[in-house]
C-alpha cells in the first residue's frame, strides 16, 4: 500500500517543522521551570545532542 502523493510533502516538510516547534517549546518550558542545576543539565544535554547530531551527519555525508 503506497502513501498518496498529498501525504508525502506533509511527512517530509510539515511534520519536521511541527516536531521542531514542539521541541523548542518543551525546552523553553523546562528551562523556565528548572533550578540552576537543572539548567546546567539541560545545557549539557543539548550540547551532547548537538555534538552527536553533527558527528552523525558528518559520518553519513562522507560514508
PDB file of N, CA and C in Angstrom:
ATOM      1  N   UNK A   1       0.851  -1.173   0.000  1.00  0.00           N
ATOM      2  CA  UNK A   1       0.000   0.000   0.000  1.00  0.00           C
ATOM      3  C   UNK A   1       0.898   1.237   0.000  1.00  0.00           C
ATOM      4  N   UNK A   2       0.726   2.094  -0.972  1.00  0.00           N
ATOM      5  CA  UNK A   2       1.565   3.283  -1.071  1.00  0.00           C
ATOM      6  C   UNK A   2       0.874   4.490  -0.441  1.00  0.00           C
ATOM      7  N   UNK A   3       1.688   5.436  -0.055  1.00  0.00           N
ATOM      8  CA  UNK A   3       1.172   6.673   0.532  1.00  0.00           C
ATOM      9  C   UNK A   3       0.745   7.591  -0.612  1.00  0.00           C
ATOM     10  N   UNK A   4      -0.447   8.158  -0.545  1.00  0.00           N
ATOM     11  CA  UNK A   4      -0.862   9.090  -1.607  1.00  0.00           C
ATOM     12  C   UNK A   4       0.089  10.274  -1.727  1.00  0.00           C
ATOM     13  N   UNK A   5       0.129  10.862  -2.901  1.00  0.00           N
ATOM     14  CA  UNK A   5       1.063  11.950  -3.200  1.00  0.00           C
ATOM     15  C   UNK A   5       0.867  13.142  -2.272  1.00  0.00           C
ATOM     16  N   UNK A   6      -0.337  13.371  -1.802  1.00  0.00           N
ATOM     17  CA  UNK A   6      -0.617  14.526  -0.940  1.00  0.00           C
ATOM     18  C   UNK A   6       0.085  14.384   0.409  1.00  0.00           C
ATOM     19  N   UNK A   7       0.208  13.175   0.931  1.00  0.00           N
ATOM     20  CA  UNK A   7       0.766  12.975   2.258  1.00  0.00           C
ATOM     21  C   UNK A   7       2.289  13.031   2.289  1.00  0.00           C
ATOM     22  N   UNK A   8       2.963  12.784   1.163  1.00  0.00           N
ATOM     23  CA  UNK A   8       4.426  12.802   1.155  1.00  0.00           C
ATOM     24  C   UNK A   8       5.006  14.164   1.524  1.00  0.00           C
ATOM     25  N   UNK A   9       4.515  15.288   0.950  1.00  0.00           N
ATOM     26  CA  UNK A   9       5.054  16.588   1.379  1.00  0.00           C
ATOM     27  C   UNK A   9       4.793  16.854   2.862  1.00  0.00           C
ATOM     28  N   UNK A  10       3.677  16.382   3.381  1.00  0.00           N
ATOM     29  CA  UNK A  10       3.387  16.597   4.793  1.00  0.00           C
ATOM     30  C   UNK A  10       4.407  15.879   5.658  1.00  0.00           C
ATOM     31  N   UNK A  11       4.726  14.648   5.302  1.00  0.00           N
ATOM     32  CA  UNK A  11       5.684  13.883   6.091  1.00  0.00           C
ATOM     33  C   UNK A  11       7.074  14.478   5.971  1.00  0.00           C
ATOM     34  N   UNK A  12       7.440  14.949   4.798  1.00  0.00           N
ATOM     35  CA  UNK A  12       8.791  15.461   4.583  1.00  0.00           C
ATOM     36  C   UNK A  12       8.996  16.877   5.117  1.00  0.00           C
ATOM     37  N   UNK A  13       7.976  17.722   5.095  1.00  0.00           N
ATOM     38  CA  UNK A  13       8.167  19.129   5.436  1.00  0.00           C
ATOM     39  C   UNK A  13       7.388  19.576   6.664  1.00  0.00           C
ATOM     40  N   UNK A  14       6.124  19.271   6.724  1.00  0.00           N
ATOM     41  CA  UNK A  14       5.286  19.783   7.800  1.00  0.00           C
ATOM     42  C   UNK A  14       5.573  19.078   9.120  1.00  0.00           C
ATOM     43  N   UNK A  15       5.709  17.775   9.096  1.00  0.00           N
ATOM     44  CA  UNK A  15       5.956  17.028  10.335  1.00  0.00           C
ATOM     45  C   UNK A  15       7.262  17.438  11.025  1.00  0.00           C
ATOM     46  N   UNK A  16       8.391  17.572  10.308  1.00  0.00           N
ATOM     47  CA  UNK A  16       9.610  18.045  10.986  1.00  0.00           C
ATOM     48  C   UNK A  16       9.471  19.448  11.578  1.00  0.00           C
ATOM     49  N   UNK A  17       8.720  20.321  10.913  1.00  0.00           N
ATOM     50  CA  UNK A  17       8.512  21.669  11.444  1.00  0.00           C
ATOM     51  C   UNK A  17       7.709  21.606  12.742  1.00  0.00           C
ATOM     52  N   UNK A  18       6.677  20.779  12.760  1.00  0.00           N
ATOM     53  CA  UNK A  18       5.871  20.625  13.972  1.00  0.00           C
ATOM     54  C   UNK A  18       6.702  20.030  15.106  1.00  0.00           C
ATOM     55  N   UNK A  19       7.520  19.040  14.799  1.00  0.00           N
ATOM     56  CA  UNK A  19       8.382  18.433  15.820  1.00  0.00           C
ATOM     57  C   UNK A  19       9.375  19.454  16.349  1.00  0.00           C
ATOM     58  N   UNK A  20       9.956  20.278  15.468  1.00  0.00           N
ATOM     59  CA  UNK A  20      10.918  21.294  15.896  1.00  0.00           C
ATOM     60  C   UNK A  20      10.257  22.326  16.807  1.00  0.00           C
ATOM     61  N   UNK A  21       9.093  22.813  16.428  1.00  0.00           N
ATOM     62  CA  UNK A  21       8.397  23.806  17.249  1.00  0.00           C
ATOM     63  C   UNK A  21       8.033  23.220  18.606  1.00  0.00           C
ATOM     64  N   UNK A  22       7.584  21.981  18.621  1.00  0.00           N
ATOM     65  CA  UNK A  22       7.249  21.316  19.883  1.00  0.00           C
ATOM     66  C   UNK A  22       8.486  21.149  20.761  1.00  0.00           C
ATOM     67  N   UNK A  23       9.618  20.784  20.157  1.00  0.00           N
ATOM     68  CA  UNK A  23      10.857  20.616  20.925  1.00  0.00           C
ATOM     69  C   UNK A  23      11.316  21.945  21.512  1.00  0.00           C
ATOM     70  N   UNK A  24      11.255  23.010  20.727  1.00  0.00           N
ATOM     71  CA  UNK A  24      11.663  24.325  21.229  1.00  0.00           C
ATOM     72  C   UNK A  24      10.756  24.769  22.371  1.00  0.00           C
ATOM     73  N   UNK A  25       9.452  24.569  22.211  1.00  0.00           N
ATOM     74  CA  UNK A  25       8.509  24.929  23.276  1.00  0.00           C
ATOM     75  C   UNK A  25       8.773  24.108  24.535  1.00  0.00           C
ATOM     76  N   UNK A  26       9.026  22.822  24.376  1.00  0.00           N
ATOM     77  CA  UNK A  26       9.296  21.960  25.524  1.00  0.00           C
ATOM     78  C   UNK A  26      10.568  22.351  26.251  1.00  0.00           C
ATOM     79  N   UNK A  27      11.625  22.620  25.504  1.00  0.00           N
ATOM     80  CA  UNK A  27      12.888  23.033  26.125  1.00  0.00           C
ATOM     81  C   UNK A  27      12.700  24.365  26.842  1.00  0.00           C
ATOM     82  N   UNK A  28      11.993  25.292  26.220  1.00  0.00           N
ATOM     83  CA  UNK A  28      11.737  26.590  26.839  1.00  0.00           C
ATOM     84  C   UNK A  28      10.940  26.436  28.134  1.00  0.00           C
ATOM     85  N   UNK A  29       9.924  25.576  28.098  1.00  0.00           N
ATOM     86  CA  UNK A  29       9.088  25.350  29.283  1.00  0.00           C
ATOM     87  C   UNK A  29       9.916  24.774  30.430  1.00  0.00           C
ATOM     88  N   UNK A  30      10.701  23.727  30.136  1.00  0.00           N
ATOM     89  CA  UNK A  30      11.505  23.118  31.191  1.00  0.00           C
ATOM     90  C   UNK A  30      12.614  24.056  31.662  1.00  0.00           C
ATOM     91  N   UNK A  31      13.145  24.891  30.768  1.00  0.00           N
ATOM     92  CA  UNK A  31      14.197  25.829  31.139  1.00  0.00           C
ATOM     93  C   UNK A  31      13.681  26.849  32.151  1.00  0.00           C
ATOM     94  N   UNK A  32      12.501  27.400  31.906  1.00  0.00           N
ATOM     95  CA  UNK A  32      11.969  28.426  32.807  1.00  0.00           C
ATOM     96  C   UNK A  32      11.517  27.839  34.132  1.00  0.00           C
ATOM     97  N   UNK A  33      11.186  26.553  34.178  1.00  0.00           N
ATOM     98  CA  UNK A  33      10.696  25.947  35.409  1.00  0.00           C
ATOM     99  C   UNK A  33      11.738  25.108  36.131  1.00  0.00           C
ATOM    100  N   UNK A  34      13.011  25.256  35.792  1.00  0.00           N
ATOM    101  CA  UNK A  34      14.039  24.445  36.440  1.00  0.00           C
ATOM    102  C   UNK A  34      14.966  25.318  37.281  1.00  0.00           C
ATOM    103  N   UNK A  35      15.679  24.640  38.161  1.00  0.00           N
ATOM    104  CA  UNK A  35      16.636  25.322  39.023  1.00  0.00           C
ATOM    105  C   UNK A  35      17.947  25.532  38.272  1.00  0.00           C
ATOM    106  N   UNK A  36      18.922  26.081  38.968  1.00  0.00           N
ATOM    107  CA  UNK A  36      20.227  26.326  38.359  1.00  0.00           C
ATOM    108  C   UNK A  36      20.880  25.006  37.946  1.00  0.00           C
ATOM    109  N   UNK A  37      20.766  23.991  38.803  1.00  0.00           N
ATOM    110  CA  UNK A  37      21.337  22.685  38.483  1.00  0.00           C
ATOM    111  C   UNK A  37      20.604  22.063  37.291  1.00  0.00           C
ATOM    112  N   UNK A  38      19.304  22.222  37.247  1.00  0.00           N
ATOM    113  CA  UNK A  38      18.528  21.705  36.124  1.00  0.00           C
ATOM    114  C   UNK A  38      18.892  22.374  34.813  1.00  0.00           C
ATOM    115  N   UNK A  39      19.144  23.684  34.876  1.00  0.00           N
ATOM    116  CA  UNK A  39      19.540  24.406  33.657  1.00  0.00           C
ATOM    117  C   UNK A  39      20.892  23.927  33.145  1.00  0.00           C
ATOM    118  N   UNK A  40      21.802  23.614  34.075  1.00  0.00           N
ATOM    119  CA  UNK A  40      23.103  23.090  33.668  1.00  0.00           C
ATOM    120  C   UNK A  40      22.947  21.728  33.008  1.00  0.00           C
ATOM    121  N   UNK A  41      22.059  20.898  33.532  1.00  0.00           N
ATOM    122  CA  UNK A  41      21.830  19.577  32.956  1.00  0.00           C
ATOM    123  C   UNK A  41      21.188  19.690  31.566  1.00  0.00           C
ATOM    124  N   UNK A  42      20.237  20.612  31.420  1.00  0.00           N
ATOM    125  CA  UNK A  42      19.604  20.817  30.119  1.00  0.00           C
ATOM    126  C   UNK A  42      20.644  21.297  29.108  1.00  0.00           C
ATOM    127  N   UNK A  43      21.476  22.251  29.497  1.00  0.00           N
ATOM    128  CA  UNK A  43      22.508  22.770  28.601  1.00  0.00           C
ATOM    129  C   UNK A  43      23.498  21.673  28.223  1.00  0.00           C
ATOM    130  N   UNK A  44      23.898  20.869  29.181  1.00  0.00           N
ATOM    131  CA  UNK A  44      24.825  19.778  28.898  1.00  0.00           C
ATOM    132  C   UNK A  44      24.201  18.765  27.939  1.00  0.00           C
ATOM    133  N   UNK A  45      22.940  18.436  28.155  1.00  0.00           N
ATOM    134  CA  UNK A  45      22.246  17.509  27.266  1.00  0.00           C
ATOM    135  C   UNK A  45      22.125  18.059  25.852  1.00  0.00           C
ATOM    136  N   UNK A  46      21.839  19.352  25.732  1.00  0.00           N
ATOM    137  CA  UNK A  46      21.740  19.962  24.401  1.00  0.00           C
ATOM    138  C   UNK A  46      23.088  19.992  23.685  1.00  0.00           C
ATOM    139  N   UNK A  47      24.155  20.267  24.429  1.00  0.00           N
ATOM    140  CA  UNK A  47      25.494  20.270  23.831  1.00  0.00           C
ATOM    141  C   UNK A  47      25.870  18.873  23.364  1.00  0.00           C
ATOM    142  N   UNK A  48      25.617  17.864  24.192  1.00  0.00           N
ATOM    143  CA  UNK A  48      25.927  16.485  23.802  1.00  0.00           C
ATOM    144  C   UNK A  48      25.086  16.078  22.586  1.00  0.00           C
ATOM    145  N   UNK A  49      23.805  16.453  22.580  1.00  0.00           N
ATOM    146  CA  UNK A  49      22.950  16.148  21.437  1.00  0.00           C
ATOM    147  C   UNK A  49      23.434  16.818  20.159  1.00  0.00           C
ATOM    148  N   UNK A  50      23.901  18.057  20.271  1.00  0.00           N
ATOM    149  CA  UNK A  50      24.432  18.764  19.112  1.00  0.00           C
ATOM    150  C   UNK A  50      25.686  18.087  18.575  1.00  0.00           C
ATOM    151  N   UNK A  51      26.580  17.689  19.470  1.00  0.00           N
ATOM    152  CA  UNK A  51      27.814  17.021  19.045  1.00  0.00           C
ATOM    153  C   UNK A  51      27.499  15.687  18.381  1.00  0.00           C
ATOM    154  N   UNK A  52      26.592  14.919  18.968  1.00  0.00           N
ATOM    155  CA  UNK A  52      26.217  13.629  18.382  1.00  0.00           C
ATOM    156  C   UNK A  52      25.548  13.840  17.026  1.00  0.00           C
ATOM    157  N   UNK A  53      24.670  14.820  16.933  1.00  0.00           N
ATOM    158  CA  UNK A  53      23.991  15.098  15.666  1.00  0.00           C
ATOM    159  C   UNK A  53      24.950  15.521  14.571  1.00  0.00           C
ATOM    160  N   UNK A  54      25.886  16.396  14.900  1.00  0.00           N
ATOM    161  CA  UNK A  54      26.874  16.829  13.909  1.00  0.00           C
ATOM    162  C   UNK A  54      27.789  15.684  13.498  1.00  0.00           C
ATOM    163  N   UNK A  55      28.200  14.867  14.457  1.00  0.00           N
ATOM    164  CA  UNK A  55      29.056  13.719  14.135  1.00  0.00           C
ATOM    165  C   UNK A  55      28.328  12.727  13.243  1.00  0.00           C
ATOM    166  N   UNK A  56      27.074  12.437  13.559  1.00  0.00           N
ATOM    167  CA  UNK A  56      26.297  11.513  12.755  1.00  0.00           C
ATOM    168  C   UNK A  56      26.064  12.065  11.350  1.00  0.00           C
ATOM    169  N   UNK A  57      25.759  13.347  11.247  1.00  0.00           N
ATOM    170  CA  UNK A  57      25.561  13.968   9.935  1.00  0.00           C
ATOM    171  C   UNK A  57      26.835  13.913   9.104  1.00  0.00           C
ATOM    172  N   UNK A  58      27.966  14.224   9.711  1.00  0.00           N
ATOM    173  CA  UNK A  58      29.251  14.183   9.011  1.00  0.00           C
ATOM    174  C   UNK A  58      29.559  12.762   8.558  1.00  0.00           C
ATOM    175  N   UNK A  59      29.330  11.801   9.435  1.00  0.00           N
ATOM    176  CA  UNK A  59      29.571  10.399   9.081  1.00  0.00           C
ATOM    177  C   UNK A  59      28.697   9.962   7.914  1.00  0.00           C
ATOM    178  N   UNK A  60      27.431  10.320   7.946  1.00  0.00           N
ATOM    179  CA  UNK A  60      26.521   9.893   6.888  1.00  0.00           C
ATOM    180  C   UNK A  60      26.808  10.605   5.561  1.00  0.00           C
ATOM    181  N   UNK A  61      27.315  11.825   5.618  1.00  0.00           N
ATOM    182  CA  UNK A  61      27.648  12.543   4.382  1.00  0.00           C
ATOM    183  C   UNK A  61      28.877  11.935   3.721  1.00  0.00           C
ATOM    184  N   UNK A  62      29.913  11.636   4.505  1.00  0.00           N
ATOM    185  CA  UNK A  62      31.170  11.174   3.932  1.00  0.00           C
ATOM    186  C   UNK A  62      31.249   9.667   3.762  1.00  0.00           C
ATOM    187  N   UNK A  63      30.297   8.932   4.267  1.00  0.00           N
ATOM    188  CA  UNK A  63      30.335   7.474   4.136  1.00  0.00           C
ATOM    189  C   UNK A  63      29.656   7.017   2.882  1.00  0.00           C
TER     190      UNK A  63
END
